[in-house]
Amino acid sequence: MRSVSSPEPGAVLHLFDGVVDAVAHRLASVDTRPLSGGRPGQYQADLHADEVVLARLVDAGFGVLSEESGLHLVDRPVTVIVDPLDGSTNASRGVPWFATALCAVDAEGPWVAVVGDHASGRRYRAVRGRGASVDGATLHPSGVQRLDSSILALSGYPPHHLGWQQFRAFGAAALDLCLVAQGVVDGFVDCSVDAHGVWDYAASVLVCAEAGVRVVDVDERDLVVLDHEARRTPVAASTPALLDAVLAARRTFR
């Protein structure tokens, strides 16, 4: 697959699956615990994963926006936004919740996405206009309408109770958002301020959208931008009514 001027979504999904497999193979042979020393919170495993991802995507003809190494050849028709290792702190501590997330973006926006859960082997996949699935099963959100009946996934911790029934804090936003699409949790709230780069959520935004779940920025900014410096505060919910309630609760932080 040397050209992406007119690629087939199936070929892109196949490539992305191969990238996730290659990262898993590399991670199995390295120590995930040491920090890289390059920047705060970056692990050597992040750099190993990025090396694998970048080589395969550039060779396949894509531009790349990677958390670890920035922008590469984004004048190409399709750019892949990639988090080589989302949840790297989890990986470093042996917490089985970390992933590789890839989202191909064309002139119309997010197009093809794969989020590969390295601990379970589970794969979330989506193609614009063609739906979303996990290991071949169509994704369906929970349909929960009320905040006081919801189980929310949190990133960070709020200054006060937001009115949920229960919450969970898993530590890998790409996978957390996919759980909303799958109906495992009812919503996701970033309780920090502009803590997430586009690589953290781009693939999951498409997975969620194709499952009928909206993901929005709490300040109503565009989420999927080809900007390595941009940071956002994503919020998602299984239904419009719950999203309104979650956004209202999150905005009380101000």
C-alpha atoms as a PDB file:
ATOM      1  CA  MET A   1       0.000   0.000   0.000  1.00  0.00           C
ATOM      2  CA  ARG A   2       2.269   2.779  -1.297  1.00  0.00           C
ATOM      3  CA  SER A   3      -0.327   5.352  -2.327  1.00  0.00           C
ATOM      4  CA  VAL A   4      -3.308   6.790  -0.474  1.00  0.00           C
ATOM      5  CA  SER A   5      -4.630   8.976  -3.283  1.00  0.00           C
ATOM      6  CA  SER A   6      -7.692   6.697  -3.539  1.00  0.00           C
ATOM      7  CA  PRO A   7      -7.401   4.102  -0.752  1.00  0.00           C
ATOM      8  CA  GLU A   8     -10.063   1.620   0.232  1.00  0.00           C
ATOM      9  CA  PRO A   9     -11.192   1.802   3.876  1.00  0.00           C
ATOM     10  CA  GLY A  10     -10.684  -1.954   4.234  1.00  0.00           C
ATOM     11  CA  ALA A  11      -7.046  -1.617   3.243  1.00  0.00           C
ATOM     12  CA  VAL A  12      -6.563   1.180   5.766  1.00  0.00           C
ATOM     13  CA  LEU A  13      -8.165  -0.901   8.515  1.00  0.00           C
ATOM     14  CA  HIS A  14      -5.879  -3.798   7.607  1.00  0.00           C
ATOM     15  CA  LEU A  15      -2.851  -1.511   7.773  1.00  0.00           C
ATOM     16  CA  PHE A  16      -3.918  -0.108  11.133  1.00  0.00           C
ATOM     17  CA  ASP A  17      -4.453  -3.598  12.536  1.00  0.00           C
ATOM     18  CA  GLY A  18      -0.928  -4.450  11.422  1.00  0.00           C
ATOM     19  CA  VAL A  19       0.416  -1.331  13.139  1.00  0.00           C
ATOM     20  CA  VAL A  20      -1.306  -2.279  16.401  1.00  0.00           C
ATOM     21  CA  ASP A  21       0.119  -5.812  16.123  1.00  0.00           C
ATOM     22  CA  ALA A  22       3.610  -4.441  15.499  1.00  0.00           C
ATOM     23  CA  VAL A  23       3.404  -2.166  18.542  1.00  0.00           C
ATOM     24  CA  ALA A  24       2.218  -5.079  20.686  1.00  0.00           C
ATOM     25  CA  HIS A  25       5.174  -7.144  19.466  1.00  0.00           C
ATOM     26  CA  ARG A  26       7.614  -4.361  20.320  1.00  0.00           C
ATOM     27  CA  LEU A  27       6.097  -3.764  23.753  1.00  0.00           C
ATOM     28  CA  ALA A  28       6.440  -7.444  24.584  1.00  0.00           C
ATOM     29  CA  SER A  29      10.219  -7.126  24.224  1.00  0.00           C
ATOM     30  CA  VAL A  30      10.869  -3.867  26.113  1.00  0.00           C
ATOM     31  CA  ASP A  31      10.689  -2.679  29.704  1.00  0.00           C
ATOM     32  CA  THR A  32       7.649  -0.387  29.925  1.00  0.00           C
ATOM     33  CA  ARG A  33       8.689   1.127  33.264  1.00  0.00           C
ATOM     34  CA  PRO A  34      11.531   3.615  32.566  1.00  0.00           C
ATOM     35  CA  LEU A  35      10.823   7.221  31.704  1.00  0.00           C
ATOM     36  CA  SER A  36      12.425   8.532  28.538  1.00  0.00           C
ATOM     37  CA  GLY A  37      13.899  11.661  30.071  1.00  0.00           C
ATOM     38  CA  GLY A  38      12.756  13.550  26.986  1.00  0.00           C
ATOM     39  CA  ARG A  39       9.724  15.287  28.468  1.00  0.00           C
ATOM     40  CA  PRO A  40       7.592  14.963  31.611  1.00  0.00           C
ATOM     41  CA  GLY A  41       5.450  11.838  31.638  1.00  0.00           C
ATOM     42  CA  GLN A  42       7.028  10.283  28.533  1.00  0.00           C
ATOM     43  CA  TYR A  43       8.169   6.672  28.823  1.00  0.00           C
ATOM     44  CA  GLN A  44      10.782   4.851  26.775  1.00  0.00           C
ATOM     45  CA  ALA A  45       7.960   2.547  25.680  1.00  0.00           C
ATOM     46  CA  ASP A  46       6.215   5.563  24.109  1.00  0.00           C
ATOM     47  CA  LEU A  47       9.266   6.107  21.907  1.00  0.00           C
ATOM     48  CA  HIS A  48       9.535   2.435  20.981  1.00  0.00           C
ATOM     49  CA  ALA A  49       5.885   2.427  19.956  1.00  0.00           C
ATOM     50  CA  ASP A  50       6.261   5.665  17.996  1.00  0.00           C
ATOM     51  CA  GLU A  51       9.206   4.283  16.042  1.00  0.00           C
ATOM     52  CA  VAL A  52       7.128   1.324  14.914  1.00  0.00           C
ATOM     53  CA  VAL A  53       4.069   3.404  14.048  1.00  0.00           C
ATOM     54  CA  LEU A  54       5.872   6.164  12.181  1.00  0.00           C
ATOM     55  CA  ALA A  55       7.869   3.837   9.939  1.00  0.00           C
ATOM     56  CA  ARG A  56       4.797   1.917   8.810  1.00  0.00           C
ATOM     57  CA  LEU A  57       2.494   4.874   8.265  1.00  0.00           C
ATOM     58  CA  VAL A  58       4.985   7.031   6.365  1.00  0.00           C
ATOM     59  CA  ASP A  59       5.994   4.087   4.185  1.00  0.00           C
ATOM     60  CA  ALA A  60       2.304   3.521   3.385  1.00  0.00           C
ATOM     61  CA  GLY A  61       1.993   7.075   2.054  1.00  0.00           C
ATOM     62  CA  PHE A  62       0.293   8.839   4.949  1.00  0.00           C
ATOM     63  CA  GLY A  63       1.085  12.042   6.729  1.00  0.00           C
ATOM     64  CA  VAL A  64       1.325  11.593  10.492  1.00  0.00           C
ATOM     65  CA  LEU A  65       0.522  13.607  13.587  1.00  0.00           C
ATOM     66  CA  SER A  66       1.970  11.664  16.514  1.00  0.00           C
ATOM     67  CA  GLU A  67       1.943  12.558  20.177  1.00  0.00           C
ATOM     68  CA  GLU A  68       5.562  11.552  20.517  1.00  0.00           C
ATOM     69  CA  SER A  69       7.212  12.930  17.371  1.00  0.00           C
ATOM     70  CA  GLY A  70       4.875  15.630  16.086  1.00  0.00           C
ATOM     71  CA  LEU A  71       3.952  16.351  12.467  1.00  0.00           C
ATOM     72  CA  HIS A  72       5.289  14.458   9.452  1.00  0.00           C
ATOM     73  CA  LEU A  73       4.375  15.028   5.794  1.00  0.00           C
ATOM     74  CA  VAL A  74       0.946  16.498   6.539  1.00  0.00           C
ATOM     75  CA  ASP A  75       0.756  17.861   2.978  1.00  0.00           C
ATOM     76  CA  ARG A  76      -0.253  14.327   1.941  1.00  0.00           C
ATOM     77  CA  PRO A  77      -3.949  13.726   1.139  1.00  0.00           C
ATOM     78  CA  VAL A  78      -4.550  11.712   4.302  1.00  0.00           C
ATOM     79  CA  THR A  79      -2.968  12.284   7.702  1.00  0.00           C
ATOM     80  CA  VAL A  80      -3.096   9.736  10.513  1.00  0.00           C
ATOM     81  CA  ILE A  81      -3.481  11.119  14.013  1.00  0.00           C
ATOM     82  CA  VAL A  82      -1.875   8.562  16.288  1.00  0.00           C
ATOM     83  CA  ASP A  83      -1.264   7.933  19.948  1.00  0.00           C
ATOM     84  CA  PRO A  84       1.332   5.157  19.798  1.00  0.00           C
ATOM     85  CA  LEU A  85       0.727   4.210  23.433  1.00  0.00           C
ATOM     86  CA  ASP A  86      -2.298   5.716  25.146  1.00  0.00           C
ATOM     87  CA  GLY A  87      -2.271   4.880  28.844  1.00  0.00           C
ATOM     88  CA  SER A  88       1.495   4.501  29.044  1.00  0.00           C
ATOM     89  CA  THR A  89       1.479   5.067  32.817  1.00  0.00           C
ATOM     90  CA  ASN A  90      -0.925   2.134  33.105  1.00  0.00           C
ATOM     91  CA  ALA A  91       1.431   0.067  30.954  1.00  0.00           C
ATOM     92  CA  SER A  92       4.389   1.035  33.132  1.00  0.00           C
ATOM     93  CA  ARG A  93       2.581  -0.131  36.278  1.00  0.00           C
ATOM     94  CA  GLY A  94       1.062  -3.293  34.854  1.00  0.00           C
ATOM     95  CA  VAL A  95      -2.487  -1.925  34.775  1.00  0.00           C
ATOM     96  CA  PRO A  96      -4.175  -3.748  31.865  1.00  0.00           C
ATOM     97  CA  TRP A  97      -5.685  -0.687  30.164  1.00  0.00           C
ATOM     98  CA  PHE A  98      -3.526   0.812  27.403  1.00  0.00           C
ATOM     99  CA  ALA A  99      -3.869   1.058  23.655  1.00  0.00           C
ATOM    100  CA  THR A 100      -2.659   2.259  20.290  1.00  0.00           C
ATOM    101  CA  ALA A 101      -5.130   4.656  18.654  1.00  0.00           C
ATOM    102  CA  LEU A 102      -5.071   5.641  14.964  1.00  0.00           C
ATOM    103  CA  CYS A 103      -7.400   7.929  13.039  1.00  0.00           C
ATOM    104  CA  ALA A 104      -7.033   8.681   9.327  1.00  0.00           C
ATOM    105  CA  VAL A 105      -8.219  12.200   8.535  1.00  0.00           C
ATOM    106  CA  ASP A 106      -8.965  13.435   5.016  1.00  0.00           C
ATOM    107  CA  ALA A 107     -10.384  16.709   3.694  1.00  0.00           C
ATOM    108  CA  GLU A 108     -13.793  15.859   5.175  1.00  0.00           C
ATOM    109  CA  GLY A 109     -12.532  14.974   8.647  1.00  0.00           C
ATOM    110  CA  PRO A 110     -12.094  11.678  10.547  1.00  0.00           C
ATOM    111  CA  TRP A 111     -12.399   8.808   8.085  1.00  0.00           C
ATOM    112  CA  VAL A 112     -11.026   5.478   9.370  1.00  0.00           C
ATOM    113  CA  ALA A 113     -10.123   4.598  12.948  1.00  0.00           C
ATOM    114  CA  VAL A 114      -8.775   1.719  14.997  1.00  0.00           C
ATOM    115  CA  VAL A 115      -8.247   1.638  18.761  1.00  0.00           C
ATOM    116  CA  GLY A 116      -6.336  -1.470  19.759  1.00  0.00           C
ATOM    117  CA  ASP A 117      -6.504  -2.552  23.407  1.00  0.00           C
ATOM    118  CA  HIS A 118      -3.129  -4.181  24.065  1.00  0.00           C
ATOM    119  CA  ALA A 119      -4.123  -5.898  27.286  1.00  0.00           C
ATOM    120  CA  SER A 120      -7.182  -7.730  25.950  1.00  0.00           C
ATOM    121  CA  GLY A 121      -6.489  -7.729  22.199  1.00  0.00           C
ATOM    122  CA  ARG A 122      -9.870  -6.075  21.641  1.00  0.00           C
ATOM    123  CA  ARG A 123     -10.119  -3.854  18.535  1.00  0.00           C
ATOM    124  CA  TYR A 124     -12.523  -0.984  18.078  1.00  0.00           C
ATOM    125  CA  ARG A 125     -12.938  -0.026  14.408  1.00  0.00           C
ATOM    126  CA  ALA A 126     -14.895   2.640  12.570  1.00  0.00           C
ATOM    127  CA  VAL A 127     -15.283   3.951   9.020  1.00  0.00           C
ATOM    128  CA  ARG A 128     -17.103   7.198   8.338  1.00  0.00           C
ATOM    129  CA  GLY A 129     -20.653   6.455   7.219  1.00  0.00           C
ATOM    130  CA  ARG A 130     -20.249   2.700   7.709  1.00  0.00           C
ATOM    131  CA  GLY A 131     -20.652   2.245  11.448  1.00  0.00           C
ATOM    132  CA  ALA A 132     -18.444   1.148  14.325  1.00  0.00           C
ATOM    133  CA  SER A 133     -17.675  -2.226  15.831  1.00  0.00           C
ATOM    134  CA  VAL A 134     -15.620  -4.046  18.420  1.00  0.00           C
ATOM    135  CA  ASP A 135     -14.166  -7.329  17.185  1.00  0.00           C
ATOM    136  CA  GLY A 136     -16.869  -7.434  14.516  1.00  0.00           C
ATOM    137  CA  ALA A 137     -19.833  -6.723  16.807  1.00  0.00           C
ATOM    138  CA  THR A 138     -21.769  -3.516  16.142  1.00  0.00           C
ATOM    139  CA  LEU A 139     -21.454  -0.941  18.901  1.00  0.00           C
ATOM    140  CA  HIS A 140     -24.516   0.375  20.728  1.00  0.00           C
ATOM    141  CA  PRO A 141     -24.454   2.991  23.512  1.00  0.00           C
ATOM    142  CA  SER A 142     -26.398   2.440  26.721  1.00  0.00           C
ATOM    143  CA  GLY A 143     -29.213   4.908  26.081  1.00  0.00           C
ATOM    144  CA  VAL A 144     -29.099   6.255  29.637  1.00  0.00           C
ATOM    145  CA  GLN A 145     -30.799   9.658  29.837  1.00  0.00           C
ATOM    146  CA  ARG A 146     -30.371  10.800  33.436  1.00  0.00           C
ATOM    147  CA  LEU A 147     -27.183  11.897  35.147  1.00  0.00           C
ATOM    148  CA  ASP A 148     -28.264  10.386  38.473  1.00  0.00           C
ATOM    149  CA  SER A 149     -28.651   7.003  36.738  1.00  0.00           C
ATOM    150  CA  SER A 150     -25.312   7.137  34.948  1.00  0.00           C
ATOM    151  CA  ILE A 151     -21.938   5.520  35.354  1.00  0.00           C
ATOM    152  CA  LEU A 152     -19.313   7.960  34.075  1.00  0.00           C
ATOM    153  CA  ALA A 153     -15.685   7.474  33.154  1.00  0.00           C
ATOM    154  CA  LEU A 154     -13.561  10.320  34.503  1.00  0.00           C
ATOM    155  CA  SER A 155     -10.175  11.661  33.540  1.00  0.00           C
ATOM    156  CA  GLY A 156      -8.829  13.632  36.460  1.00  0.00           C
ATOM    157  CA  TYR A 157     -11.071  14.318  39.414  1.00  0.00           C
ATOM    158  CA  PRO A 158     -13.739  17.002  39.839  1.00  0.00           C
ATOM    159  CA  PRO A 159     -13.826  19.536  42.672  1.00  0.00           C
ATOM    160  CA  HIS A 160     -17.259  18.266  43.689  1.00  0.00           C
ATOM    161  CA  HIS A 161     -19.714  15.465  42.965  1.00  0.00           C
ATOM    162  CA  LEU A 162     -21.302  15.884  39.537  1.00  0.00           C
ATOM    163  CA  GLY A 163     -24.476  13.960  40.260  1.00  0.00           C
ATOM    164  CA  TRP A 164     -23.525  10.570  38.783  1.00  0.00           C
ATOM    165  CA  GLN A 165     -24.721   7.267  40.205  1.00  0.00           C
ATOM    166  CA  GLN A 166     -21.173   5.891  40.034  1.00  0.00           C
ATOM    167  CA  PHE A 167     -17.874   6.762  38.365  1.00  0.00           C
ATOM    168  CA  ARG A 168     -14.762   4.993  37.146  1.00  0.00           C
ATOM    169  CA  ALA A 169     -11.280   6.380  36.382  1.00  0.00           C
ATOM    170  CA  PHE A 170      -9.461   4.084  33.965  1.00  0.00           C
ATOM    171  CA  GLY A 171      -6.525   6.181  32.730  1.00  0.00           C
ATOM    172  CA  ALA A 172      -6.589   5.865  28.922  1.00  0.00           C
ATOM    173  CA  ALA A 173      -8.959   8.307  27.212  1.00  0.00           C
ATOM    174  CA  ALA A 174      -9.007   6.541  23.831  1.00  0.00           C
ATOM    175  CA  LEU A 175     -10.301   3.345  25.420  1.00  0.00           C
ATOM    176  CA  ASP A 176     -12.527   5.180  27.907  1.00  0.00           C
ATOM    177  CA  LEU A 177     -14.415   6.888  25.081  1.00  0.00           C
ATOM    178  CA  CYS A 178     -14.829   3.600  23.246  1.00  0.00           C
ATOM    179  CA  LEU A 179     -16.564   2.234  26.331  1.00  0.00           C
ATOM    180  CA  VAL A 180     -19.196   4.954  25.904  1.00  0.00           C
ATOM    181  CA  ALA A 181     -19.767   3.834  22.314  1.00  0.00           C
ATOM    182  CA  GLN A 182     -20.019   0.239  23.539  1.00  0.00           C
ATOM    183  CA  GLY A 183     -22.514   1.025  26.292  1.00  0.00           C
ATOM    184  CA  VAL A 184     -20.211  -0.185  29.070  1.00  0.00           C
ATOM    185  CA  VAL A 185     -20.245   3.280  30.642  1.00  0.00           C
ATOM    186  CA  ASP A 186     -22.742   6.033  29.947  1.00  0.00           C
ATOM    187  CA  GLY A 187     -20.432   8.993  29.535  1.00  0.00           C
ATOM    188  CA  PHE A 188     -16.919  10.405  29.762  1.00  0.00           C
ATOM    189  CA  VAL A 189     -15.865  13.621  31.460  1.00  0.00           C
ATOM    190  CA  ASP A 190     -12.444  15.251  31.325  1.00  0.00           C
ATOM    191  CA  CYS A 191     -12.211  16.886  34.737  1.00  0.00           C
ATOM    192  CA  SER A 192      -8.875  18.530  33.972  1.00  0.00           C
ATOM    193  CA  VAL A 193      -8.507  21.723  31.936  1.00  0.00           C
ATOM    194  CA  ASP A 194      -7.242  21.228  28.374  1.00  0.00           C
ATOM    195  CA  ALA A 195      -5.216  18.167  29.295  1.00  0.00           C
ATOM    196  CA  HIS A 196      -5.801  16.125  26.127  1.00  0.00           C
ATOM    197  CA  GLY A 197      -4.128  16.377  22.746  1.00  0.00           C
ATOM    198  CA  VAL A 198      -5.970  15.385  19.583  1.00  0.00           C
ATOM    199  CA  TRP A 199      -4.202  11.987  19.534  1.00  0.00           C
ATOM    200  CA  ASP A 200      -5.910  11.072  22.822  1.00  0.00           C
ATOM    201  CA  TYR A 201      -9.407  11.123  21.365  1.00  0.00           C
ATOM    202  CA  ALA A 202      -9.478  11.481  17.542  1.00  0.00           C
ATOM    203  CA  ALA A 203      -9.908   7.780  16.783  1.00  0.00           C
ATOM    204  CA  SER A 204     -12.517   7.416  19.508  1.00  0.00           C
ATOM    205  CA  VAL A 205     -14.448  10.455  18.275  1.00  0.00           C
ATOM    206  CA  LEU A 206     -15.068   8.563  15.025  1.00  0.00           C
ATOM    207  CA  VAL A 207     -15.880   5.315  16.851  1.00  0.00           C
ATOM    208  CA  CYS A 208     -18.359   7.195  19.017  1.00  0.00           C
ATOM    209  CA  ALA A 209     -19.880   9.150  16.131  1.00  0.00           C
ATOM    210  CA  GLU A 210     -20.489   5.997  14.131  1.00  0.00           C
ATOM    211  CA  ALA A 211     -22.137   4.423  17.186  1.00  0.00           C
ATOM    212  CA  GLY A 212     -24.409   7.447  17.613  1.00  0.00           C
ATOM    213  CA  VAL A 213     -22.517   9.104  20.470  1.00  0.00           C
ATOM    214  CA  ARG A 214     -21.458  12.757  20.420  1.00  0.00           C
ATOM    215  CA  VAL A 215     -18.079  13.827  21.775  1.00  0.00           C
ATOM    216  CA  VAL A 216     -17.692  17.575  22.298  1.00  0.00           C
ATOM    217  CA  ASP A 217     -15.224  20.015  23.778  1.00  0.00           C
ATOM    218  CA  VAL A 218     -16.518  21.671  26.925  1.00  0.00           C
ATOM    219  CA  ASP A 219     -15.687  25.070  25.379  1.00  0.00           C
ATOM    220  CA  GLU A 220     -17.275  24.204  22.000  1.00  0.00           C
ATOM    221  CA  ARG A 221     -13.981  24.213  20.076  1.00  0.00           C
ATOM    222  CA  ASP A 222     -13.250  21.888  17.155  1.00  0.00           C
ATOM    223  CA  LEU A 223     -11.894  18.644  18.534  1.00  0.00           C
ATOM    224  CA  VAL A 224     -10.123  17.119  15.538  1.00  0.00           C
ATOM    225  CA  VAL A 225      -7.434  19.546  14.407  1.00  0.00           C
ATOM    226  CA  LEU A 226      -4.018  18.877  12.873  1.00  0.00           C
ATOM    227  CA  ASP A 227      -2.253  20.877  15.541  1.00  0.00           C
ATOM    228  CA  HIS A 228       0.280  19.248  17.858  1.00  0.00           C
ATOM    229  CA  GLU A 229       0.008  22.098  20.342  1.00  0.00           C
ATOM    230  CA  ALA A 230      -3.795  22.143  20.641  1.00  0.00           C
ATOM    231  CA  ARG A 231      -5.357  20.877  23.849  1.00  0.00           C
ATOM    232  CA  ARG A 232      -9.010  20.211  24.516  1.00  0.00           C
ATOM    233  CA  THR A 233     -11.437  19.124  27.259  1.00  0.00           C
ATOM    234  CA  PRO A 234     -13.594  16.321  25.785  1.00  0.00           C
ATOM    235  CA  VAL A 235     -16.960  15.225  27.146  1.00  0.00           C
ATOM    236  CA  ALA A 236     -19.177  12.441  25.789  1.00  0.00           C
ATOM    237  CA  ALA A 237     -22.479  10.831  26.687  1.00  0.00           C
ATOM    238  CA  SER A 238     -24.719   8.058  25.423  1.00  0.00           C
ATOM    239  CA  THR A 239     -27.720  10.314  24.682  1.00  0.00           C
ATOM    240  CA  PRO A 240     -28.305  14.018  23.941  1.00  0.00           C
ATOM    241  CA  ALA A 241     -30.171  14.471  27.245  1.00  0.00           C
ATOM    242  CA  LEU A 242     -27.318  12.978  29.251  1.00  0.00           C
ATOM    243  CA  LEU A 243     -24.756  15.010  27.302  1.00  0.00           C
ATOM    244  CA  ASP A 244     -26.591  18.227  28.171  1.00  0.00           C
ATOM    245  CA  ALA A 245     -26.621  17.249  31.835  1.00  0.00           C
ATOM    246  CA  VAL A 246     -22.965  16.231  31.865  1.00  0.00           C
ATOM    247  CA  LEU A 247     -21.879  19.433  30.125  1.00  0.00           C
ATOM    248  CA  ALA A 248     -23.872  21.546  32.566  1.00  0.00           C
ATOM    249  CA  ALA A 249     -22.284  19.724  35.490  1.00  0.00           C
ATOM    250  CA  ARG A 250     -18.767  20.017  34.031  1.00  0.00           C
ATOM    251  CA  ARG A 251     -19.214  23.736  33.416  1.00  0.00           C
ATOM    252  CA  THR A 252     -19.910  24.325  37.118  1.00  0.00           C
ATOM    253  CA  PHE A 253     -16.131  24.004  37.616  1.00  0.00           C
ATOM    254  CA  ARG A 254     -15.841  27.580  36.404  1.00  0.00           C
END
